[in-house]
Amino acid sequence: MRLNPLLLVAISACIAAPVQSQSSSSREMPEQQFLDQVEAPGHVLISARGAEAVNAEARRKGLKFPALGYWSPDNVCFSNPPKGDCNGLFTR
């Protein structure tokens, strides 16, 4: 039995998609990619000490999850205990 290569690519993409969205929610975005999205209409920037505090503030404000991304100058958003300021980008 021979499978269509296009079908294999489509199946691989479907399987990989959920994995990518999970991993991106627990790591920081490249700085320029993050900054490019900050000014977009409907985006809300939340800053706090560590990703957990950012998420708590976003929930308090009723913003949508998952976050579009996280970024910090020192790559510390997901350090535990929190070591510095983290920025999260959400939508309303």
Protein backbone atom coordinates (compact mmCIF):
# COMPACT_ATOMS: atom_id res chain seq x y z
CA MET A 1 0.00 0.00 0.00
CA ARG A 2 1.42 3.35 -1.01
CA LEU A 3 0.42 6.58 0.79
CA ASN A 4 0.09 9.94 -0.87
CA PRO A 5 3.00 12.21 0.25
CA LEU A 6 0.65 15.22 0.50
CA LEU A 7 -1.61 13.27 2.84
CA LEU A 8 1.37 12.42 5.05
CA VAL A 9 2.36 16.10 5.27
CA ALA A 10 -1.20 17.09 6.21
CA ILE A 11 -1.41 14.44 8.90
CA SER A 12 1.99 15.45 10.31
CA ALA A 13 0.92 19.09 10.47
CA CYS A 14 -2.27 18.21 12.36
CA ILE A 15 -0.38 16.12 14.87
CA ALA A 16 2.37 18.72 15.40
CA ALA A 17 0.05 21.75 15.75
CA PRO A 18 -1.14 21.09 19.34
CA VAL A 19 2.40 20.35 20.46
CA GLN A 20 3.67 23.66 19.09
CA SER A 21 0.94 25.71 20.79
CA GLN A 22 1.67 24.06 24.14
CA SER A 23 5.41 24.59 23.94
CA SER A 24 5.12 28.23 22.86
CA SER A 25 2.98 29.03 25.91
CA SER A 26 5.84 28.02 28.22
CA ARG A 27 8.75 29.80 26.55
CA GLU A 28 9.52 33.35 25.58
CA MET A 29 9.13 34.86 22.11
CA PRO A 30 11.98 36.56 20.29
CA GLU A 31 12.06 40.24 21.27
CA GLN A 32 11.28 41.74 17.87
CA GLN A 33 8.39 39.34 17.22
CA PHE A 34 6.89 40.26 20.60
CA LEU A 35 7.39 44.01 20.15
CA ASP A 36 5.85 43.91 16.67
CA GLN A 37 2.60 42.63 18.19
CA VAL A 38 2.39 44.99 21.19
CA GLU A 39 0.85 47.89 19.25
CA ALA A 40 -1.70 45.77 17.35
CA PRO A 41 -5.36 46.68 17.95
CA GLY A 42 -6.98 44.60 20.68
CA HIS A 43 -3.71 43.47 22.22
CA VAL A 44 -3.15 44.11 25.93
CA LEU A 45 0.33 44.15 27.50
CA ILE A 46 0.63 42.88 31.08
CA SER A 47 3.86 43.23 33.07
CA ALA A 48 4.55 41.54 36.38
CA ARG A 49 7.23 39.54 38.17
CA GLY A 50 7.24 36.14 36.42
CA ALA A 51 4.77 34.47 34.06
CA GLU A 52 2.47 33.24 36.85
CA ALA A 53 1.93 36.80 38.09
CA VAL A 54 1.37 38.00 34.50
CA ASN A 55 -1.26 35.28 34.00
CA ALA A 56 -2.96 36.10 37.32
CA GLU A 57 -3.25 39.76 36.35
CA ALA A 58 -4.58 38.85 32.89
CA ARG A 59 -7.23 36.61 34.46
CA ARG A 60 -8.18 39.38 36.88
CA LYS A 61 -8.72 41.69 33.89
CA GLY A 62 -10.75 39.05 32.02
CA LEU A 63 -8.34 38.70 29.08
CA LYS A 64 -8.34 35.72 26.72
CA PHE A 65 -6.04 32.74 27.13
CA PRO A 66 -3.65 31.45 26.01
CA ALA A 67 -1.39 34.47 25.86
CA LEU A 68 -0.11 35.50 22.46
CA GLY A 69 3.37 35.40 23.94
CA TYR A 70 5.76 36.30 26.73
CA TRP A 71 9.01 38.22 26.69
CA SER A 72 11.55 39.64 29.15
CA PRO A 73 14.92 41.31 28.61
CA ASP A 74 16.71 38.62 30.64
CA ASN A 75 14.68 35.56 29.54
CA VAL A 76 13.29 35.07 33.07
CA CYS A 77 9.52 34.83 32.54
CA PHE A 78 9.41 31.14 33.37
CA SER A 79 12.09 31.02 36.05
CA ASN A 80 10.92 29.76 39.40
CA PRO A 81 11.05 31.56 41.73
CA PRO A 82 10.48 34.63 39.55
CA LYS A 83 13.70 36.55 39.03
CA GLY A 84 12.47 39.61 37.20
CA ASP A 85 9.86 41.37 35.18
CA CYS A 86 7.96 39.44 32.54
CA ASN A 87 5.73 40.85 29.81
CA GLY A 88 2.73 38.93 28.49
CA LEU A 89 0.61 39.84 25.51
CA PHE A 90 -3.11 38.98 25.53
CA THR A 91 -6.29 39.83 23.65
CA ARG A 92 -9.53 41.17 25.10
